[in-house]
Amino acid sequence: MVMANLAVNKRANFDYKVLDRYEAGIVLSGQEVKSIRAGQASLKGSFVTLKGKELYLTNTSIPPYKLATKLEGYNPTQSRKLLLKKSEIKSLIGKMKVQGLTLVPIRLYTKKRLVKLEFSVARGKKEFDKRQDIAKKEAKRKVERRLRTN
């Protein structure tokens, strides 16, 4: 099974503490799939919302496919329905009711011929948590540099 990352949300691990990861299918049109496979999609600033008893991927930018014929009326940042089992949706609704938890998209990828979204239940980090993460990364880099030079 070949999986290729098509779009990655680099800020997800920096801004949020990831608790659980989920995989979902996405309802897409043909030109959107072609655009995503061409590497045009962006998860920057996107999030997962709950409307009724369904989950939607909101604010994800998928520009129109350059060779598509029907480009009129296409909105690149429209909400796209996520495909999950009812039991998964119910458990996610319960987790979202807990204060401070949110659903954050992590990456778009292909699984066989399908486009999938990996998203997570996450808690927002405070400013001091981010500073601690940066300090740890810098300390690790310094140690690696010293090991390379010696």
Protein backbone atom coordinates (compact mmCIF):
# COMPACT_ATOMS: atom_id res chain seq x y z
CA MET A 1 0.00 0.00 0.00
CA VAL A 2 1.63 3.23 -1.19
CA MET A 3 0.81 6.40 0.74
CA ALA A 4 2.03 9.76 -0.49
CA ASN A 5 1.69 13.02 1.44
CA LEU A 6 -0.05 15.59 -0.74
CA ALA A 7 -0.42 18.41 1.81
CA VAL A 8 0.84 18.77 5.39
CA ASN A 9 -0.22 21.18 8.13
CA LYS A 10 3.18 22.07 9.60
CA ARG A 11 1.74 24.29 12.34
CA ALA A 12 -0.45 21.53 13.82
CA ASN A 13 2.22 19.99 16.05
CA PHE A 14 3.58 23.40 17.04
CA ASP A 15 0.25 25.03 17.99
CA TYR A 16 -1.54 21.96 19.39
CA LYS A 17 -0.85 18.96 21.59
CA VAL A 18 -2.09 15.99 19.55
CA LEU A 19 -4.12 13.47 21.59
CA ASP A 20 -5.78 11.06 19.11
CA ARG A 21 -5.42 10.63 15.36
CA TYR A 22 -8.21 9.72 12.93
CA GLU A 23 -8.45 8.98 9.22
CA ALA A 24 -11.36 10.13 7.08
CA GLY A 25 -12.35 10.15 3.45
CA ILE A 26 -13.34 13.44 1.79
CA VAL A 27 -16.16 14.19 -0.66
CA LEU A 28 -14.38 15.78 -3.63
CA SER A 29 -15.12 16.52 -7.27
CA GLY A 30 -12.92 15.12 -10.04
CA GLN A 31 -11.07 18.36 -10.68
CA GLU A 32 -10.36 18.73 -6.94
CA VAL A 33 -8.78 15.27 -6.82
CA LYS A 34 -6.58 16.11 -9.81
CA SER A 35 -5.58 19.41 -8.24
CA ILE A 36 -4.70 17.71 -4.93
CA ARG A 37 -2.66 15.02 -6.69
CA ALA A 38 -0.79 17.78 -8.53
CA GLY A 39 0.27 19.13 -5.12
CA GLN A 40 -1.90 22.26 -5.20
CA ALA A 41 -3.79 21.79 -1.89
CA SER A 42 -2.97 23.73 1.26
CA LEU A 43 -4.07 22.90 4.82
CA LYS A 44 -2.75 26.20 6.20
CA GLY A 45 -5.41 27.76 8.40
CA SER A 46 -7.87 24.89 7.91
CA PHE A 47 -9.93 23.21 10.61
CA VAL A 48 -12.60 20.55 11.08
CA THR A 49 -16.10 21.74 12.05
CA LEU A 50 -19.26 20.03 13.20
CA LYS A 51 -22.53 20.84 11.41
CA GLY A 52 -25.45 18.84 12.70
CA LYS A 53 -24.16 15.30 12.97
CA GLU A 54 -21.58 15.59 10.19
CA LEU A 55 -17.97 16.76 10.10
CA TYR A 56 -16.66 19.19 7.49
CA LEU A 57 -13.17 20.26 6.47
CA THR A 58 -13.32 24.05 6.38
CA ASN A 59 -11.01 26.69 4.92
CA THR A 60 -8.79 24.24 3.02
CA SER A 61 -7.54 25.79 -0.19
CA ILE A 62 -7.81 23.54 -3.25
CA PRO A 63 -7.34 25.74 -6.33
CA PRO A 64 -9.07 24.74 -9.57
CA TYR A 65 -7.30 22.22 -11.78
CA LYS A 66 -5.61 24.12 -14.60
CA LEU A 67 -6.85 21.82 -17.36
CA ALA A 68 -10.45 21.61 -16.10
CA THR A 69 -13.18 22.93 -18.38
CA LYS A 70 -15.85 23.96 -15.82
CA LEU A 71 -14.24 26.61 -13.64
CA GLU A 72 -17.23 28.96 -13.27
CA GLY A 73 -18.64 29.30 -9.76
CA TYR A 74 -15.91 27.20 -8.14
CA ASN A 75 -14.97 28.23 -4.59
CA PRO A 76 -11.46 26.96 -3.64
CA THR A 77 -12.08 27.26 0.13
CA GLN A 78 -15.54 25.69 0.31
CA SER A 79 -16.37 23.24 3.11
CA ARG A 80 -15.92 19.57 2.22
CA LYS A 81 -17.75 16.73 3.95
CA LEU A 82 -15.67 14.13 5.80
CA LEU A 83 -16.63 10.48 5.58
CA LEU A 84 -16.56 8.67 8.93
CA LYS A 85 -18.55 5.94 10.63
CA LYS A 86 -21.44 7.10 12.84
CA SER A 87 -19.80 5.62 15.91
CA GLU A 88 -16.59 7.59 15.23
CA ILE A 89 -18.58 10.81 14.76
CA LYS A 90 -20.44 10.26 18.04
CA SER A 91 -17.20 9.71 19.94
CA LEU A 92 -15.67 12.82 18.34
CA ILE A 93 -18.72 14.90 19.31
CA GLY A 94 -18.29 13.71 22.90
CA LYS A 95 -14.58 14.62 22.86
CA MET A 96 -15.30 18.06 21.37
CA LYS A 97 -17.68 18.87 24.23
CA VAL A 98 -14.72 18.61 26.63
CA GLN A 99 -13.43 22.13 27.15
CA GLY A 100 -10.35 23.09 25.16
CA LEU A 101 -10.38 20.20 22.65
CA THR A 102 -10.59 20.79 18.92
CA LEU A 103 -10.21 18.86 15.65
CA VAL A 104 -7.11 19.79 13.64
CA PRO A 105 -6.27 18.52 10.12
CA ILE A 106 -2.73 17.15 9.94
CA ARG A 107 -2.21 15.91 6.37
CA LEU A 108 -3.85 14.94 3.08
CA TYR A 109 -2.53 11.75 1.52
CA THR A 110 -3.41 9.01 -0.95
CA LYS A 111 -4.24 5.50 0.13
CA LYS A 112 -4.35 3.28 -2.95
CA ARG A 113 -6.41 5.50 -5.28
CA LEU A 114 -8.33 7.44 -2.61
CA VAL A 115 -7.56 10.83 -1.07
CA LYS A 116 -7.69 10.68 2.75
CA LEU A 117 -7.41 13.24 5.53
CA GLU A 118 -5.57 12.57 8.77
CA PHE A 119 -6.86 14.77 11.57
CA SER A 120 -6.50 14.75 15.32
CA VAL A 121 -8.27 15.60 18.53
CA ALA A 122 -5.96 18.22 20.01
CA ARG A 123 -5.62 20.73 22.81
CA GLY A 124 -4.22 24.19 22.10
CA LYS A 125 -0.79 24.89 23.55
CA LYS A 126 -0.11 27.91 25.72
CA GLU A 127 2.70 30.32 24.87
CA PHE A 128 5.05 28.88 27.52
CA ASP A 129 4.51 25.36 26.11
CA LYS A 130 5.63 26.59 22.70
CA ARG A 131 8.72 28.22 24.23
CA GLN A 132 9.61 24.96 25.97
CA ASP A 133 9.32 23.07 22.66
CA ILE A 134 11.58 25.60 20.93
CA ALA A 135 14.15 25.38 23.75
CA LYS A 136 14.18 21.56 23.52
CA LYS A 137 14.71 21.68 19.74
CA GLU A 138 17.56 24.17 20.07
CA ALA A 139 19.25 22.09 22.79
CA LYS A 140 18.97 18.99 20.62
CA ARG A 141 20.50 20.84 17.64
CA LYS A 142 23.42 22.06 19.76
CA VAL A 143 24.15 18.52 20.97
CA GLU A 144 24.01 17.17 17.41
CA ARG A 145 26.37 19.92 16.17
CA ARG A 146 28.87 19.18 18.94
CA LEU A 147 28.77 15.46 18.14
CA ARG A 148 29.39 16.18 14.44
CA THR A 149 32.32 18.54 15.05
CA ASN A 150 34.09 16.20 17.53
